[in-house]
């Protein structure tokens, strides 16, 4: 399996519900490095997985929808704990929707999967992997 990864970042505010979250139940900020890894079994006719420039652009568009937002105030996330794992899935699903609409071009039709990883720090991260 071949893959490429592109990176961006987001800065958000949010709070959590539930004792398991301890002090994170209060409103707090988080900055995440966001990696999107695109996979395919065979390279396309240009010998690439996907256009890195387009992949970077589309990841940027997806994360810009979340950047500098208090997720507690976003209607899409009302009553939801926007954990790192949950946000990785949100970003992956939104990116997959753009891929299916053709945002990465014809070559992206051969993509087999996508993994989005959010790095909370240099020692902790979470990922969501999905088929395309």
N, C-alpha and C. Protein backbone atom coordinates (compact mmCIF):
# COMPACT_ATOMS: atom_id res chain seq x y z
N UNK A 1 0.85 -1.17 0.00
CA UNK A 1 0.00 0.00 0.00
C UNK A 1 0.90 1.24 0.00
N UNK A 2 0.61 2.16 -0.91
CA UNK A 2 1.33 3.43 -0.97
C UNK A 2 0.56 4.47 -0.17
N UNK A 3 1.27 5.47 0.35
CA UNK A 3 0.58 6.54 1.07
C UNK A 3 1.35 7.84 0.97
N UNK A 4 0.63 8.93 1.13
CA UNK A 4 1.22 10.25 1.34
C UNK A 4 0.48 10.87 2.51
N UNK A 5 1.16 11.76 3.20
CA UNK A 5 0.56 12.46 4.33
C UNK A 5 0.79 13.95 4.17
N UNK A 6 -0.26 14.73 4.41
CA UNK A 6 -0.16 16.18 4.43
C UNK A 6 -0.57 16.65 5.82
N UNK A 7 -0.13 17.85 6.19
CA UNK A 7 -0.31 18.31 7.57
C UNK A 7 -0.84 19.74 7.59
N UNK A 8 -1.66 20.01 8.61
CA UNK A 8 -2.14 21.36 8.90
C UNK A 8 -2.30 21.43 10.41
N UNK A 9 -2.96 22.44 10.90
CA UNK A 9 -3.23 22.52 12.34
C UNK A 9 -4.53 23.29 12.58
N UNK A 10 -5.09 23.09 13.76
CA UNK A 10 -6.27 23.85 14.17
C UNK A 10 -6.11 24.26 15.64
N UNK A 11 -6.73 25.38 15.96
CA UNK A 11 -6.82 25.85 17.34
C UNK A 11 -8.29 26.01 17.66
N UNK A 12 -8.73 25.32 18.69
CA UNK A 12 -10.15 25.33 19.05
C UNK A 12 -10.30 25.55 20.56
N UNK A 13 -11.52 25.85 20.96
CA UNK A 13 -11.89 25.84 22.38
C UNK A 13 -13.05 24.88 22.52
N UNK A 14 -13.13 24.23 23.67
CA UNK A 14 -14.25 23.32 23.94
C UNK A 14 -14.21 22.91 25.40
N UNK A 15 -15.27 22.25 25.82
CA UNK A 15 -15.32 21.67 27.16
C UNK A 15 -15.95 20.29 27.04
N UNK A 16 -15.82 19.50 28.09
CA UNK A 16 -16.35 18.14 28.07
C UNK A 16 -17.36 17.94 29.19
N UNK A 17 -18.23 16.95 29.00
CA UNK A 17 -19.19 16.55 30.02
C UNK A 17 -18.78 15.17 30.53
N UNK A 18 -18.72 15.01 31.85
CA UNK A 18 -18.39 13.72 32.43
C UNK A 18 -17.18 13.78 33.33
N UNK A 19 -17.27 13.12 34.44
CA UNK A 19 -16.20 13.12 35.45
C UNK A 19 -14.88 12.59 34.90
N UNK A 20 -14.93 11.70 33.91
CA UNK A 20 -13.71 11.12 33.35
C UNK A 20 -12.78 12.20 32.80
N UNK A 21 -13.34 13.37 32.46
CA UNK A 21 -12.54 14.44 31.86
C UNK A 21 -11.90 15.38 32.87
N UNK A 22 -12.21 15.21 34.15
CA UNK A 22 -11.57 16.02 35.19
C UNK A 22 -11.64 17.50 34.89
N UNK A 23 -10.50 18.21 34.97
CA UNK A 23 -10.52 19.65 34.76
C UNK A 23 -10.88 20.08 33.33
N UNK A 24 -10.81 19.16 32.39
CA UNK A 24 -11.17 19.48 31.00
C UNK A 24 -12.68 19.66 30.83
N UNK A 25 -13.43 19.46 31.91
CA UNK A 25 -14.86 19.77 31.86
C UNK A 25 -15.08 21.27 31.73
N UNK A 26 -14.09 22.04 32.16
CA UNK A 26 -14.17 23.49 32.00
C UNK A 26 -13.72 23.87 30.59
N UNK A 27 -14.17 25.02 30.12
CA UNK A 27 -13.75 25.52 28.81
C UNK A 27 -12.23 25.65 28.77
N UNK A 28 -11.63 25.12 27.72
CA UNK A 28 -10.19 25.19 27.54
C UNK A 28 -9.86 25.20 26.06
N UNK A 29 -8.65 25.60 25.74
CA UNK A 29 -8.20 25.62 24.36
C UNK A 29 -7.37 24.41 24.03
N UNK A 30 -7.30 24.10 22.75
CA UNK A 30 -6.46 22.99 22.27
C UNK A 30 -5.93 23.35 20.89
N UNK A 31 -4.68 23.02 20.67
CA UNK A 31 -4.06 23.17 19.36
C UNK A 31 -3.66 21.78 18.89
N UNK A 32 -4.13 21.40 17.72
CA UNK A 32 -3.84 20.07 17.18
C UNK A 32 -3.06 20.19 15.88
N UNK A 33 -2.01 19.38 15.74
CA UNK A 33 -1.45 19.12 14.42
C UNK A 33 -2.38 18.11 13.78
N UNK A 34 -2.72 18.32 12.52
CA UNK A 34 -3.66 17.44 11.83
C UNK A 34 -2.95 16.82 10.63
N UNK A 35 -2.81 15.50 10.65
CA UNK A 35 -2.23 14.76 9.53
C UNK A 35 -3.32 14.01 8.80
N UNK A 36 -3.31 14.10 7.48
CA UNK A 36 -4.23 13.31 6.65
C UNK A 36 -3.37 12.42 5.76
N UNK A 37 -3.56 11.12 5.90
CA UNK A 37 -2.80 10.14 5.13
C UNK A 37 -3.73 9.47 4.12
N UNK A 38 -3.35 9.55 2.86
CA UNK A 38 -4.12 8.99 1.75
C UNK A 38 -3.42 7.73 1.29
N UNK A 39 -4.20 6.63 1.09
CA UNK A 39 -3.63 5.33 0.73
C UNK A 39 -4.24 4.79 -0.56
N UNK A 40 -3.40 4.08 -1.29
CA UNK A 40 -3.87 3.34 -2.47
C UNK A 40 -2.93 2.19 -2.75
N UNK A 41 -3.48 1.15 -3.38
CA UNK A 41 -2.68 -0.05 -3.65
C UNK A 41 -1.70 0.15 -4.79
N UNK A 42 -2.14 0.85 -5.83
CA UNK A 42 -1.28 1.09 -7.00
C UNK A 42 -1.19 2.59 -7.25
N UNK A 43 -0.02 3.04 -7.66
CA UNK A 43 0.14 4.44 -8.01
C UNK A 43 -0.69 4.76 -9.25
N UNK A 44 -1.07 6.01 -9.41
CA UNK A 44 -1.87 6.38 -10.58
C UNK A 44 -0.98 6.49 -11.82
N UNK A 45 -1.53 6.94 -12.92
CA UNK A 45 -0.78 6.99 -14.18
C UNK A 45 0.40 7.96 -14.13
N UNK A 46 0.41 8.86 -13.14
CA UNK A 46 1.53 9.79 -12.96
C UNK A 46 2.51 9.30 -11.89
N UNK A 47 2.30 8.07 -11.41
CA UNK A 47 3.12 7.46 -10.37
C UNK A 47 3.06 8.22 -9.04
N UNK A 48 1.87 8.69 -8.71
CA UNK A 48 1.65 9.34 -7.42
C UNK A 48 0.42 8.73 -6.73
N UNK A 49 0.32 8.95 -5.43
CA UNK A 49 -0.87 8.52 -4.69
C UNK A 49 -1.99 9.49 -4.99
N UNK A 50 -1.72 10.77 -4.82
CA UNK A 50 -2.67 11.83 -5.12
C UNK A 50 -1.86 13.13 -5.18
N UNK A 51 -2.40 14.13 -5.82
CA UNK A 51 -1.74 15.43 -5.92
C UNK A 51 -1.57 16.02 -4.52
N UNK A 52 -0.32 16.17 -4.07
CA UNK A 52 -0.05 16.66 -2.72
C UNK A 52 -0.57 18.08 -2.54
N UNK A 53 -0.45 18.90 -3.57
CA UNK A 53 -0.94 20.27 -3.48
C UNK A 53 -2.43 20.33 -3.25
N UNK A 54 -3.18 19.53 -4.01
CA UNK A 54 -4.63 19.49 -3.82
C UNK A 54 -5.00 18.90 -2.47
N UNK A 55 -4.28 17.87 -2.05
CA UNK A 55 -4.56 17.26 -0.75
C UNK A 55 -4.34 18.27 0.37
N UNK A 56 -3.26 19.03 0.29
CA UNK A 56 -2.96 20.07 1.27
C UNK A 56 -4.04 21.14 1.28
N UNK A 57 -4.45 21.56 0.09
CA UNK A 57 -5.48 22.58 -0.05
C UNK A 57 -6.81 22.13 0.56
N UNK A 58 -7.22 20.91 0.29
CA UNK A 58 -8.50 20.41 0.78
C UNK A 58 -8.47 20.15 2.29
N UNK A 59 -7.36 19.66 2.80
CA UNK A 59 -7.25 19.52 4.26
C UNK A 59 -7.35 20.90 4.90
N UNK A 60 -6.69 21.89 4.33
CA UNK A 60 -6.76 23.25 4.85
C UNK A 60 -8.18 23.79 4.86
N UNK A 61 -8.92 23.50 3.80
CA UNK A 61 -10.31 23.96 3.72
C UNK A 61 -11.16 23.32 4.81
N UNK A 62 -10.95 22.04 5.06
CA UNK A 62 -11.73 21.33 6.07
C UNK A 62 -11.40 21.86 7.47
N UNK A 63 -10.13 21.99 7.79
CA UNK A 63 -9.78 22.44 9.14
C UNK A 63 -10.13 23.90 9.36
N UNK A 64 -10.18 24.69 8.28
CA UNK A 64 -10.55 26.11 8.45
C UNK A 64 -11.99 26.25 8.95
N UNK A 65 -12.82 25.25 8.69
CA UNK A 65 -14.20 25.28 9.18
C UNK A 65 -14.27 25.14 10.70
N UNK A 66 -13.21 24.64 11.32
CA UNK A 66 -13.16 24.42 12.76
C UNK A 66 -12.22 25.39 13.47
N UNK A 67 -11.28 25.95 12.75
CA UNK A 67 -10.21 26.75 13.34
C UNK A 67 -10.75 28.00 14.03
N UNK A 68 -10.18 28.29 15.19
CA UNK A 68 -10.54 29.46 16.00
C UNK A 68 -12.01 29.49 16.37
N UNK A 69 -12.57 28.33 16.63
CA UNK A 69 -13.97 28.25 17.03
C UNK A 69 -14.09 27.63 18.42
N UNK A 70 -15.11 28.07 19.13
CA UNK A 70 -15.50 27.40 20.37
C UNK A 70 -16.48 26.33 19.94
N UNK A 71 -16.07 25.08 19.95
CA UNK A 71 -16.91 24.00 19.45
C UNK A 71 -18.17 23.82 20.28
N UNK A 72 -18.16 24.29 21.52
CA UNK A 72 -19.36 24.23 22.35
C UNK A 72 -20.49 25.07 21.74
N UNK A 73 -20.14 26.05 20.93
CA UNK A 73 -21.14 26.94 20.33
C UNK A 73 -21.52 26.56 18.90
N UNK A 74 -20.94 25.49 18.39
CA UNK A 74 -21.21 25.06 17.02
C UNK A 74 -22.43 24.12 17.00
N UNK A 75 -23.47 24.44 16.23
CA UNK A 75 -24.67 23.60 16.20
C UNK A 75 -24.40 22.13 15.85
N UNK A 76 -23.42 21.87 14.99
CA UNK A 76 -23.11 20.48 14.61
C UNK A 76 -22.64 19.64 15.79
N UNK A 77 -22.16 20.31 16.85
CA UNK A 77 -21.57 19.58 17.97
C UNK A 77 -22.36 19.76 19.28
N UNK A 78 -23.57 20.23 19.19
CA UNK A 78 -24.39 20.48 20.38
C UNK A 78 -24.52 19.21 21.22
N UNK A 79 -24.12 19.29 22.48
CA UNK A 79 -24.26 18.17 23.41
C UNK A 79 -23.28 17.03 23.19
N UNK A 80 -22.28 17.22 22.33
CA UNK A 80 -21.33 16.15 22.00
C UNK A 80 -19.97 16.47 22.62
N UNK A 81 -19.34 15.46 23.20
CA UNK A 81 -17.96 15.62 23.66
C UNK A 81 -17.05 15.58 22.43
N UNK A 82 -16.47 16.71 22.10
CA UNK A 82 -15.62 16.82 20.91
C UNK A 82 -14.20 16.38 21.26
N UNK A 83 -14.08 15.11 21.60
CA UNK A 83 -12.79 14.52 21.94
C UNK A 83 -11.87 14.52 20.71
N UNK A 84 -10.62 14.28 20.96
CA UNK A 84 -9.65 14.20 19.87
C UNK A 84 -10.06 13.11 18.88
N UNK A 85 -10.49 11.97 19.40
CA UNK A 85 -10.91 10.86 18.54
C UNK A 85 -12.11 11.26 17.68
N UNK A 86 -13.07 11.92 18.32
CA UNK A 86 -14.27 12.36 17.60
C UNK A 86 -13.91 13.36 16.51
N UNK A 87 -13.05 14.32 16.82
CA UNK A 87 -12.67 15.33 15.83
C UNK A 87 -11.90 14.72 14.67
N UNK A 88 -11.10 13.67 14.94
CA UNK A 88 -10.39 12.99 13.84
C UNK A 88 -11.40 12.41 12.86
N UNK A 89 -12.48 11.84 13.36
CA UNK A 89 -13.52 11.28 12.49
C UNK A 89 -14.25 12.38 11.73
N UNK A 90 -14.57 13.47 12.39
CA UNK A 90 -15.25 14.59 11.72
C UNK A 90 -14.41 15.08 10.55
N UNK A 91 -13.13 15.30 10.78
CA UNK A 91 -12.25 15.79 9.72
C UNK A 91 -12.12 14.77 8.61
N UNK A 92 -11.96 13.50 8.96
CA UNK A 92 -11.85 12.44 7.94
C UNK A 92 -13.11 12.37 7.08
N UNK A 93 -14.27 12.41 7.72
CA UNK A 93 -15.53 12.32 6.98
C UNK A 93 -15.74 13.53 6.07
N UNK A 94 -15.40 14.70 6.56
CA UNK A 94 -15.55 15.91 5.74
C UNK A 94 -14.57 15.90 4.57
N UNK A 95 -13.37 15.41 4.81
CA UNK A 95 -12.39 15.30 3.73
C UNK A 95 -12.83 14.25 2.72
N UNK A 96 -13.35 13.13 3.18
CA UNK A 96 -13.84 12.08 2.28
C UNK A 96 -14.98 12.60 1.40
N UNK A 97 -15.84 13.41 1.97
CA UNK A 97 -16.94 13.98 1.19
C UNK A 97 -16.39 14.85 0.05
N UNK A 98 -15.35 15.61 0.33
CA UNK A 98 -14.73 16.45 -0.71
C UNK A 98 -14.08 15.58 -1.78
N UNK A 99 -13.46 14.49 -1.35
CA UNK A 99 -12.82 13.57 -2.30
C UNK A 99 -13.87 12.96 -3.22
N UNK A 100 -14.97 12.52 -2.65
CA UNK A 100 -16.04 11.91 -3.45
C UNK A 100 -16.67 12.91 -4.43
N UNK A 101 -16.62 14.19 -4.10
CA UNK A 101 -17.15 15.22 -4.99
C UNK A 101 -16.15 15.65 -6.06
N UNK A 102 -14.93 15.06 -6.02
CA UNK A 102 -13.94 15.32 -7.06
C UNK A 102 -12.91 16.39 -6.74
N UNK A 103 -12.84 16.85 -5.51
CA UNK A 103 -11.94 17.94 -5.16
C UNK A 103 -10.46 17.59 -5.34
N UNK A 104 -10.11 16.30 -5.33
CA UNK A 104 -8.72 15.90 -5.52
C UNK A 104 -8.45 15.41 -6.94
N UNK A 105 -9.40 15.61 -7.82
CA UNK A 105 -9.21 15.25 -9.21
C UNK A 105 -9.49 13.79 -9.52
N UNK A 106 -9.36 13.47 -10.79
CA UNK A 106 -9.65 12.12 -11.28
C UNK A 106 -8.74 11.07 -10.65
N UNK A 107 -7.48 11.43 -10.42
CA UNK A 107 -6.53 10.47 -9.86
C UNK A 107 -6.93 9.96 -8.49
N UNK A 108 -7.74 10.73 -7.79
CA UNK A 108 -8.15 10.33 -6.43
C UNK A 108 -9.18 9.21 -6.45
N UNK A 109 -9.73 8.88 -7.61
CA UNK A 109 -10.72 7.80 -7.67
C UNK A 109 -10.12 6.46 -7.28
N UNK A 110 -8.81 6.32 -7.37
CA UNK A 110 -8.15 5.07 -7.01
C UNK A 110 -7.76 4.98 -5.55
N UNK A 111 -8.07 6.01 -4.76
CA UNK A 111 -7.72 5.96 -3.34
C UNK A 111 -8.51 4.88 -2.62
N UNK A 112 -7.82 4.16 -1.75
CA UNK A 112 -8.47 3.08 -1.00
C UNK A 112 -8.88 3.51 0.40
N UNK A 113 -8.13 4.43 0.98
CA UNK A 113 -8.44 4.80 2.35
C UNK A 113 -7.80 6.10 2.76
N UNK A 114 -8.23 6.55 3.92
CA UNK A 114 -7.81 7.83 4.48
C UNK A 114 -7.69 7.66 5.99
N UNK A 115 -6.62 8.17 6.56
CA UNK A 115 -6.47 8.21 8.01
C UNK A 115 -6.20 9.65 8.41
N UNK A 116 -6.95 10.13 9.39
CA UNK A 116 -6.71 11.46 9.94
C UNK A 116 -6.23 11.28 11.37
N UNK A 117 -5.10 11.92 11.68
CA UNK A 117 -4.51 11.87 13.01
C UNK A 117 -4.42 13.27 13.57
N UNK A 118 -4.93 13.44 14.79
CA UNK A 118 -4.80 14.70 15.52
C UNK A 118 -3.80 14.51 16.64
N UNK A 119 -2.74 15.31 16.61
CA UNK A 119 -1.70 15.26 17.62
C UNK A 119 -2.02 16.30 18.69
N UNK A 120 -2.34 15.84 19.90
CA UNK A 120 -2.59 16.75 21.02
C UNK A 120 -1.30 17.34 21.55
N UNK A 121 -0.24 16.56 21.50
CA UNK A 121 1.06 16.97 21.99
C UNK A 121 2.10 16.06 21.34
N UNK A 122 3.34 16.22 21.76
CA UNK A 122 4.39 15.36 21.23
C UNK A 122 4.33 13.94 21.80
N UNK A 123 3.45 13.70 22.78
CA UNK A 123 3.35 12.37 23.37
C UNK A 123 1.96 11.74 23.29
N UNK A 124 0.99 12.45 22.69
CA UNK A 124 -0.37 11.90 22.64
C UNK A 124 -1.08 12.31 21.35
N UNK A 125 -1.73 11.34 20.70
CA UNK A 125 -2.49 11.61 19.49
C UNK A 125 -3.56 10.55 19.31
N UNK A 126 -4.52 10.86 18.42
CA UNK A 126 -5.60 9.93 18.13
C UNK A 126 -5.86 9.95 16.63
N UNK A 127 -6.32 8.83 16.10
CA UNK A 127 -6.56 8.71 14.66
C UNK A 127 -7.91 8.10 14.37
N UNK A 128 -8.38 8.38 13.17
CA UNK A 128 -9.57 7.70 12.63
C UNK A 128 -9.23 7.28 11.20
N UNK A 129 -9.46 6.00 10.92
CA UNK A 129 -9.15 5.44 9.61
C UNK A 129 -10.45 5.01 8.94
N UNK A 130 -10.57 5.33 7.65
CA UNK A 130 -11.78 4.95 6.94
C UNK A 130 -11.43 4.58 5.50
N UNK A 131 -12.30 3.75 4.94
CA UNK A 131 -12.19 3.40 3.53
C UNK A 131 -12.75 4.54 2.69
N UNK A 132 -12.31 4.58 1.46
CA UNK A 132 -12.86 5.56 0.52
C UNK A 132 -13.55 4.83 -0.56
